[in-house]
Amino acid sequence: MKGQTSKASATKRASTKARPAKQPFQQRVARAHVGQYRPRIDAAEKAAGEARYIDDLATQSRFPSLVYAKVLRSPYPARASGA
């Protein structure tokens, strides 16, 4: 089996090759907002449930008189009272 090398010796030779040193990251343009606080201008609308989303707009255009309903069930089991 002339000319064939084992995986161990091939790995050893590959790891001994000199690699060039990595250059530190240089930012091309200074960013004005990265890493700084930016106020959320829509936070009050979202918290109050008044914010408009694209699904709301699409549903209103396709179904203008659609009525929404949701069932809210108690997480506690009901007890029958014997009178």
PDB file of N, CA and C in Angstrom:
ATOM      1  N   MET A   1       0.840  -1.176   0.000  1.00  0.00           N
ATOM      2  CA  MET A   1       0.000   0.000   0.000  1.00  0.00           C
ATOM      3  C   MET A   1       0.882   1.235   0.000  1.00  0.00           C
ATOM      4  N   LYS A   2       1.626   1.334  -1.031  1.00  0.00           N
ATOM      5  CA  LYS A   2       2.548   2.436  -1.142  1.00  0.00           C
ATOM      6  C   LYS A   2       1.801   3.705  -1.529  1.00  0.00           C
ATOM      7  N   GLY A   3       2.192   4.845  -0.982  1.00  0.00           N
ATOM      8  CA  GLY A   3       1.599   6.125  -1.364  1.00  0.00           C
ATOM      9  C   GLY A   3       0.388   6.511  -0.529  1.00  0.00           C
ATOM     10  N   GLN A   4      -0.104   5.618   0.298  1.00  0.00           N
ATOM     11  CA  GLN A   4      -1.259   5.935   1.136  1.00  0.00           C
ATOM     12  C   GLN A   4      -0.784   6.337   2.520  1.00  0.00           C
ATOM     13  N   THR A   5      -1.456   7.340   3.094  1.00  0.00           N
ATOM     14  CA  THR A   5      -1.100   7.775   4.447  1.00  0.00           C
ATOM     15  C   THR A   5      -2.278   7.532   5.363  1.00  0.00           C
ATOM     16  N   SER A   6      -1.971   7.363   6.609  1.00  0.00           N
ATOM     17  CA  SER A   6      -3.049   7.160   7.568  1.00  0.00           C
ATOM     18  C   SER A   6      -3.701   8.489   7.901  1.00  0.00           C
ATOM     19  N   LYS A   7      -4.908   8.431   8.431  1.00  0.00           N
ATOM     20  CA  LYS A   7      -5.640   9.647   8.795  1.00  0.00           C
ATOM     21  C   LYS A   7      -4.917  10.417   9.895  1.00  0.00           C
ATOM     22  N   ALA A   8      -4.309   9.703  10.821  1.00  0.00           N
ATOM     23  CA  ALA A   8      -3.624  10.356  11.938  1.00  0.00           C
ATOM     24  C   ALA A   8      -2.441  11.172  11.448  1.00  0.00           C
ATOM     25  N   SER A   9      -1.663  10.608  10.534  1.00  0.00           N
ATOM     26  CA  SER A   9      -0.494  11.351  10.060  1.00  0.00           C
ATOM     27  C   SER A   9      -0.920  12.515   9.168  1.00  0.00           C
ATOM     28  N   ALA A  10      -1.991  12.367   8.396  1.00  0.00           N
ATOM     29  CA  ALA A  10      -2.486  13.465   7.566  1.00  0.00           C
ATOM     30  C   ALA A  10      -3.022  14.596   8.431  1.00  0.00           C
ATOM     31  N   THR A  11      -3.706  14.256   9.505  1.00  0.00           N
ATOM     32  CA  THR A  11      -4.235  15.268  10.422  1.00  0.00           C
ATOM     33  C   THR A  11      -3.097  15.997  11.118  1.00  0.00           C
ATOM     34  N   LYS A  12      -2.067  15.252  11.498  1.00  0.00           N
ATOM     35  CA  LYS A  12      -0.924  15.859  12.184  1.00  0.00           C
ATOM     36  C   LYS A  12      -0.229  16.857  11.265  1.00  0.00           C
ATOM     37  N   ARG A  13      -0.052  16.494   9.987  1.00  0.00           N
ATOM     38  CA  ARG A  13       0.603  17.400   9.056  1.00  0.00           C
ATOM     39  C   ARG A  13      -0.247  18.639   8.788  1.00  0.00           C
ATOM     40  N   ALA A  14      -1.571  18.482   8.723  1.00  0.00           N
ATOM     41  CA  ALA A  14      -2.457  19.611   8.460  1.00  0.00           C
ATOM     42  C   ALA A  14      -2.474  20.584   9.630  1.00  0.00           C
ATOM     43  N   SER A  15      -2.351  20.066  10.849  1.00  0.00           N
ATOM     44  CA  SER A  15      -2.407  20.941  12.016  1.00  0.00           C
ATOM     45  C   SER A  15      -1.096  21.667  12.271  1.00  0.00           C
ATOM     46  N   THR A  16       0.001  21.193  11.688  1.00  0.00           N
ATOM     47  CA  THR A  16       1.287  21.843  11.917  1.00  0.00           C
ATOM     48  C   THR A  16       1.561  22.965  10.927  1.00  0.00           C
ATOM     49  N   LYS A  17       0.712  23.151   9.930  1.00  0.00           N
ATOM     50  CA  LYS A  17       0.915  24.239   8.981  1.00  0.00           C
ATOM     51  C   LYS A  17       0.703  25.576   9.676  1.00  0.00           C
ATOM     52  N   ALA A  18       1.525  26.543   9.312  1.00  0.00           N
ATOM     53  CA  ALA A  18       1.412  27.868   9.923  1.00  0.00           C
ATOM     54  C   ALA A  18       0.219  28.606   9.334  1.00  0.00           C
ATOM     55  N   ARG A  19      -0.590  29.179  10.195  1.00  0.00           N
ATOM     56  CA  ARG A  19      -1.744  29.948   9.755  1.00  0.00           C
ATOM     57  C   ARG A  19      -1.449  31.431   9.946  1.00  0.00           C
ATOM     58  N   PRO A  20      -1.917  32.266   9.029  1.00  0.00           N
ATOM     59  CA  PRO A  20      -1.696  33.704   9.214  1.00  0.00           C
ATOM     60  C   PRO A  20      -2.526  34.218  10.387  1.00  0.00           C
ATOM     61  N   ALA A  21      -2.005  35.213  11.072  1.00  0.00           N
ATOM     62  CA  ALA A  21      -2.708  35.783  12.225  1.00  0.00           C
ATOM     63  C   ALA A  21      -3.945  36.533  11.748  1.00  0.00           C
ATOM     64  N   LYS A  22      -5.040  36.388  12.480  1.00  0.00           N
ATOM     65  CA  LYS A  22      -6.276  37.085  12.117  1.00  0.00           C
ATOM     66  C   LYS A  22      -6.159  38.561  12.455  1.00  0.00           C
ATOM     67  N   GLN A  23      -6.652  39.375  11.563  1.00  0.00           N
ATOM     68  CA  GLN A  23      -6.670  40.810  11.798  1.00  0.00           C
ATOM     69  C   GLN A  23      -7.884  41.142  12.664  1.00  0.00           C
ATOM     70  N   PRO A  24      -7.766  42.092  13.594  1.00  0.00           N
ATOM     71  CA  PRO A  24      -8.930  42.477  14.401  1.00  0.00           C
ATOM     72  C   PRO A  24      -9.997  43.120  13.526  1.00  0.00           C
ATOM     73  N   PHE A  25     -11.236  42.996  13.944  1.00  0.00           N
ATOM     74  CA  PHE A  25     -12.357  43.537  13.177  1.00  0.00           C
ATOM     75  C   PHE A  25     -12.289  45.059  13.140  1.00  0.00           C
ATOM     76  N   GLN A  26     -12.381  45.603  11.964  1.00  0.00           N
ATOM     77  CA  GLN A  26     -12.394  47.053  11.785  1.00  0.00           C
ATOM     78  C   GLN A  26     -13.750  47.451  11.220  1.00  0.00           C
ATOM     79  N   GLN A  27     -14.481  48.270  11.937  1.00  0.00           N
ATOM     80  CA  GLN A  27     -15.797  48.706  11.484  1.00  0.00           C
ATOM     81  C   GLN A  27     -15.624  49.745  10.384  1.00  0.00           C
ATOM     82  N   ARG A  28     -16.344  49.566   9.257  1.00  0.00           N
ATOM     83  CA  ARG A  28     -16.189  50.470   8.125  1.00  0.00           C
ATOM     84  C   ARG A  28     -16.757  51.845   8.410  1.00  0.00           C
ATOM     85  N   VAL A  29     -17.969  51.868   9.009  1.00  0.00           N
ATOM     86  CA  VAL A  29     -18.644  53.131   9.286  1.00  0.00           C
ATOM     87  C   VAL A  29     -19.114  53.107  10.731  1.00  0.00           C
ATOM     88  N   ALA A  30     -18.911  54.193  11.429  1.00  0.00           N
ATOM     89  CA  ALA A  30     -19.391  54.271  12.815  1.00  0.00           C
ATOM     90  C   ALA A  30     -20.915  54.299  12.817  1.00  0.00           C
ATOM     91  N   ARG A  31     -21.536  53.471  13.632  1.00  0.00           N
ATOM     92  CA  ARG A  31     -22.999  53.390  13.697  1.00  0.00           C
ATOM     93  C   ARG A  31     -23.517  54.287  14.808  1.00  0.00           C
ATOM     94  N   ALA A  32     -24.607  54.983  14.540  1.00  0.00           N
ATOM     95  CA  ALA A  32     -25.135  55.942  15.503  1.00  0.00           C
ATOM     96  C   ALA A  32     -26.016  55.289  16.562  1.00  0.00           C
ATOM     97  N   HIS A  33     -26.699  54.174  16.228  1.00  0.00           N
ATOM     98  CA  HIS A  33     -27.706  53.635  17.136  1.00  0.00           C
ATOM     99  C   HIS A  33     -27.367  52.276  17.718  1.00  0.00           C
ATOM    100  N   VAL A  34     -26.341  51.627  17.247  1.00  0.00           N
ATOM    101  CA  VAL A  34     -26.007  50.290  17.733  1.00  0.00           C
ATOM    102  C   VAL A  34     -25.447  50.398  19.144  1.00  0.00           C
ATOM    103  N   GLY A  35     -26.017  49.622  20.063  1.00  0.00           N
ATOM    104  CA  GLY A  35     -25.547  49.598  21.434  1.00  0.00           C
ATOM    105  C   GLY A  35     -26.066  50.733  22.286  1.00  0.00           C
ATOM    106  N   GLN A  36     -27.043  51.473  21.801  1.00  0.00           N
ATOM    107  CA  GLN A  36     -27.600  52.581  22.557  1.00  0.00           C
ATOM    108  C   GLN A  36     -29.092  52.366  22.757  1.00  0.00           C
ATOM    109  N   TYR A  37     -29.646  53.046  23.733  1.00  0.00           N
ATOM    110  CA  TYR A  37     -31.075  52.955  24.018  1.00  0.00           C
ATOM    111  C   TYR A  37     -31.858  53.700  22.947  1.00  0.00           C
ATOM    112  N   ARG A  38     -32.878  53.046  22.421  1.00  0.00           N
ATOM    113  CA  ARG A  38     -33.784  53.675  21.462  1.00  0.00           C
ATOM    114  C   ARG A  38     -35.193  53.529  22.011  1.00  0.00           C
ATOM    115  N   PRO A  39     -35.919  54.617  22.234  1.00  0.00           N
ATOM    116  CA  PRO A  39     -37.272  54.506  22.786  1.00  0.00           C
ATOM    117  C   PRO A  39     -38.222  53.825  21.802  1.00  0.00           C
ATOM    118  N   ARG A  40     -39.156  53.029  22.342  1.00  0.00           N
ATOM    119  CA  ARG A  40     -40.149  52.350  21.514  1.00  0.00           C
ATOM    120  C   ARG A  40     -41.348  53.270  21.375  1.00  0.00           C
ATOM    121  N   ILE A  41     -41.542  53.841  20.212  1.00  0.00           N
ATOM    122  CA  ILE A  41     -42.608  54.813  20.028  1.00  0.00           C
ATOM    123  C   ILE A  41     -43.980  54.151  19.939  1.00  0.00           C
ATOM    124  N   ASP A  42     -44.021  52.830  19.681  1.00  0.00           N
ATOM    125  CA  ASP A  42     -45.304  52.141  19.562  1.00  0.00           C
ATOM    126  C   ASP A  42     -45.644  51.312  20.796  1.00  0.00           C
ATOM    127  N   ALA A  43     -44.871  51.439  21.865  1.00  0.00           N
ATOM    128  CA  ALA A  43     -45.075  50.598  23.045  1.00  0.00           C
ATOM    129  C   ALA A  43     -46.418  50.853  23.719  1.00  0.00           C
ATOM    130  N   ALA A  44     -46.835  52.112  23.837  1.00  0.00           N
ATOM    131  CA  ALA A  44     -48.114  52.412  24.495  1.00  0.00           C
ATOM    132  C   ALA A  44     -49.284  51.851  23.699  1.00  0.00           C
ATOM    133  N   GLU A  45     -49.234  51.955  22.371  1.00  0.00           N
ATOM    134  CA  GLU A  45     -50.310  51.401  21.533  1.00  0.00           C
ATOM    135  C   GLU A  45     -50.379  49.886  21.655  1.00  0.00           C
ATOM    136  N   LYS A  46     -49.227  49.243  21.651  1.00  0.00           N
ATOM    137  CA  LYS A  46     -49.214  47.784  21.766  1.00  0.00           C
ATOM    138  C   LYS A  46     -49.716  47.328  23.126  1.00  0.00           C
ATOM    139  N   ALA A  47     -49.333  48.018  24.188  1.00  0.00           N
ATOM    140  CA  ALA A  47     -49.761  47.635  25.537  1.00  0.00           C
ATOM    141  C   ALA A  47     -51.263  47.830  25.718  1.00  0.00           C
ATOM    142  N   ALA A  48     -51.837  48.828  25.058  1.00  0.00           N
ATOM    143  CA  ALA A  48     -53.258  49.096  25.185  1.00  0.00           C
ATOM    144  C   ALA A  48     -54.100  48.267  24.208  1.00  0.00           C
ATOM    145  N   GLY A  49     -53.438  47.539  23.290  1.00  0.00           N
ATOM    146  CA  GLY A  49     -54.172  46.740  22.310  1.00  0.00           C
ATOM    147  C   GLY A  49     -54.716  47.555  21.161  1.00  0.00           C
ATOM    148  N   GLU A  50     -54.213  48.744  20.969  1.00  0.00           N
ATOM    149  CA  GLU A  50     -54.696  49.623  19.906  1.00  0.00           C
ATOM    150  C   GLU A  50     -53.823  49.586  18.655  1.00  0.00           C
ATOM    151  N   ALA A  51     -52.702  48.900  18.703  1.00  0.00           N
ATOM    152  CA  ALA A  51     -51.792  48.859  17.559  1.00  0.00           C
ATOM    153  C   ALA A  51     -52.440  48.115  16.406  1.00  0.00           C
ATOM    154  N   ARG A  52     -52.200  48.589  15.182  1.00  0.00           N
ATOM    155  CA  ARG A  52     -52.757  47.961  13.985  1.00  0.00           C
ATOM    156  C   ARG A  52     -51.682  47.091  13.348  1.00  0.00           C
ATOM    157  N   TYR A  53     -52.019  45.849  13.077  1.00  0.00           N
ATOM    158  CA  TYR A  53     -51.115  44.914  12.445  1.00  0.00           C
ATOM    159  C   TYR A  53     -51.633  44.600  11.052  1.00  0.00           C
ATOM    160  N   ILE A  54     -50.767  44.088  10.189  1.00  0.00           N
ATOM    161  CA  ILE A  54     -51.148  43.823   8.802  1.00  0.00           C
ATOM    162  C   ILE A  54     -52.261  42.775   8.714  1.00  0.00           C
ATOM    163  N   ASP A  55     -52.283  41.809   9.618  1.00  0.00           N
ATOM    164  CA  ASP A  55     -53.361  40.814   9.610  1.00  0.00           C
ATOM    165  C   ASP A  55     -54.709  41.464   9.906  1.00  0.00           C
ATOM    166  N   ASP A  56     -54.729  42.449  10.797  1.00  0.00           N
ATOM    167  CA  ASP A  56     -55.973  43.156  11.090  1.00  0.00           C
ATOM    168  C   ASP A  56     -56.467  43.905   9.861  1.00  0.00           C
ATOM    169  N   LEU A  57     -55.571  44.558   9.153  1.00  0.00           N
ATOM    170  CA  LEU A  57     -55.957  45.325   7.975  1.00  0.00           C
ATOM    171  C   LEU A  57     -56.438  44.411   6.851  1.00  0.00           C
ATOM    172  N   ALA A  58     -55.753  43.297   6.637  1.00  0.00           N
ATOM    173  CA  ALA A  58     -56.144  42.373   5.570  1.00  0.00           C
ATOM    174  C   ALA A  58     -57.500  41.733   5.872  1.00  0.00           C
ATOM    175  N   THR A  59     -57.735  41.390   7.133  1.00  0.00           N
ATOM    176  CA  THR A  59     -59.007  40.773   7.506  1.00  0.00           C
ATOM    177  C   THR A  59     -60.159  41.759   7.326  1.00  0.00           C
ATOM    178  N   GLN A  60     -59.952  43.011   7.683  1.00  0.00           N
ATOM    179  CA  GLN A  60     -61.013  44.011   7.540  1.00  0.00           C
ATOM    180  C   GLN A  60     -61.348  44.262   6.088  1.00  0.00           C
ATOM    181  N   SER A  61     -60.377  44.217   5.204  1.00  0.00           N
ATOM    182  CA  SER A  61     -60.670  44.457   3.791  1.00  0.00           C
ATOM    183  C   SER A  61     -61.380  43.260   3.161  1.00  0.00           C
ATOM    184  N   ARG A  62     -61.068  42.041   3.604  1.00  0.00           N
ATOM    185  CA  ARG A  62     -61.710  40.854   3.044  1.00  0.00           C
ATOM    186  C   ARG A  62     -63.059  40.557   3.693  1.00  0.00           C
ATOM    187  N   PHE A  63     -63.192  40.812   4.998  1.00  0.00           N
ATOM    188  CA  PHE A  63     -64.416  40.530   5.727  1.00  0.00           C
ATOM    189  C   PHE A  63     -64.812  41.761   6.542  1.00  0.00           C
ATOM    190  N   PRO A  64     -65.451  42.758   5.934  1.00  0.00           N
ATOM    191  CA  PRO A  64     -65.699  44.020   6.635  1.00  0.00           C
ATOM    192  C   PRO A  64     -66.639  43.916   7.836  1.00  0.00           C
ATOM    193  N   SER A  65     -67.570  42.961   7.869  1.00  0.00           N
ATOM    194  CA  SER A  65     -68.524  42.889   8.975  1.00  0.00           C
ATOM    195  C   SER A  65     -68.286  41.661   9.857  1.00  0.00           C
ATOM    196  N   LEU A  66     -67.059  41.184   9.907  1.00  0.00           N
ATOM    197  CA  LEU A  66     -66.729  40.004  10.695  1.00  0.00           C
ATOM    198  C   LEU A  66     -66.820  40.319  12.184  1.00  0.00           C
ATOM    199  N   VAL A  67     -67.466  39.429  12.936  1.00  0.00           N
ATOM    200  CA  VAL A  67     -67.596  39.584  14.377  1.00  0.00           C
ATOM    201  C   VAL A  67     -66.632  38.597  15.038  1.00  0.00           C
ATOM    202  N   TYR A  68     -65.883  39.066  16.014  1.00  0.00           N
ATOM    203  CA  TYR A  68     -64.930  38.229  16.729  1.00  0.00           C
ATOM    204  C   TYR A  68     -65.539  37.766  18.042  1.00  0.00           C
ATOM    205  N   ALA A  69     -65.190  36.550  18.437  1.00  0.00           N
ATOM    206  CA  ALA A  69     -65.620  36.034  19.734  1.00  0.00           C
ATOM    207  C   ALA A  69     -64.530  35.131  20.281  1.00  0.00           C
ATOM    208  N   LYS A  70     -64.445  35.075  21.591  1.00  0.00           N
ATOM    209  CA  LYS A  70     -63.469  34.211  22.223  1.00  0.00           C
ATOM    210  C   LYS A  70     -64.099  33.632  23.482  1.00  0.00           C
ATOM    211  N   VAL A  71     -63.877  32.347  23.716  1.00  0.00           N
ATOM    212  CA  VAL A  71     -64.417  31.683  24.895  1.00  0.00           C
ATOM    213  C   VAL A  71     -63.331  31.670  25.963  1.00  0.00           C
ATOM    214  N   LEU A  72     -63.682  32.149  27.126  1.00  0.00           N
ATOM    215  CA  LEU A  72     -62.765  32.155  28.256  1.00  0.00           C
ATOM    216  C   LEU A  72     -63.292  31.172  29.282  1.00  0.00           C
ATOM    217  N   ARG A  73     -62.540  30.119  29.521  1.00  0.00           N
ATOM    218  CA  ARG A  73     -62.955  29.108  30.484  1.00  0.00           C
ATOM    219  C   ARG A  73     -62.160  29.262  31.768  1.00  0.00           C
ATOM    220  N   SER A  74     -62.792  28.910  32.857  1.00  0.00           N
ATOM    221  CA  SER A  74     -62.154  29.004  34.164  1.00  0.00           C
ATOM    222  C   SER A  74     -61.112  27.902  34.305  1.00  0.00           C
ATOM    223  N   PRO A  75     -59.970  28.208  34.878  1.00  0.00           N
ATOM    224  CA  PRO A  75     -58.982  27.159  35.114  1.00  0.00           C
ATOM    225  C   PRO A  75     -59.319  26.287  36.317  1.00  0.00           C
ATOM    226  N   TYR A  76     -60.340  26.679  37.077  1.00  0.00           N
ATOM    227  CA  TYR A  76     -60.743  25.952  38.275  1.00  0.00           C
ATOM    228  C   TYR A  76     -61.961  25.082  37.971  1.00  0.00           C
ATOM    229  N   PRO A  77     -61.995  23.863  38.477  1.00  0.00           N
ATOM    230  CA  PRO A  77     -63.154  22.988  38.204  1.00  0.00           C
ATOM    231  C   PRO A  77     -64.413  23.509  38.930  1.00  0.00           C
ATOM    232  N   ALA A  78     -65.546  23.313  38.278  1.00  0.00           N
ATOM    233  CA  ALA A  78     -66.816  23.748  38.870  1.00  0.00           C
ATOM    234  C   ALA A  78     -67.245  22.742  39.940  1.00  0.00           C
ATOM    235  N   ARG A  79     -67.913  23.225  40.972  1.00  0.00           N
ATOM    236  CA  ARG A  79     -68.435  22.366  42.029  1.00  0.00           C
ATOM    237  C   ARG A  79     -69.943  22.488  42.057  1.00  0.00           C
ATOM    238  N   ALA A  80     -70.603  21.381  42.108  1.00  0.00           N
ATOM    239  CA  ALA A  80     -72.051  21.384  42.213  1.00  0.00           C
ATOM    240  C   ALA A  80     -72.431  21.566  43.687  1.00  0.00           C
ATOM    241  N   SER A  81     -73.287  22.511  43.939  1.00  0.00           N
ATOM    242  CA  SER A  81     -73.706  22.719  45.316  1.00  0.00           C
ATOM    243  C   SER A  81     -75.052  22.003  45.519  1.00  0.00           C
ATOM    244  N   GLY A  82     -75.132  21.206  46.540  1.00  0.00           N
ATOM    245  CA  GLY A  82     -76.377  20.471  46.820  1.00  0.00           C
ATOM    246  C   GLY A  82     -77.260  21.293  47.745  1.00  0.00           C
ATOM    247  N   ALA A  83     -78.427  21.670  47.262  1.00  0.00           N
ATOM    248  CA  ALA A  83     -79.312  22.493  48.079  1.00  0.00           C
ATOM    249  C   ALA A  83     -80.453  21.686  48.618  1.00  0.00           C
TER     250      ALA A  83
END
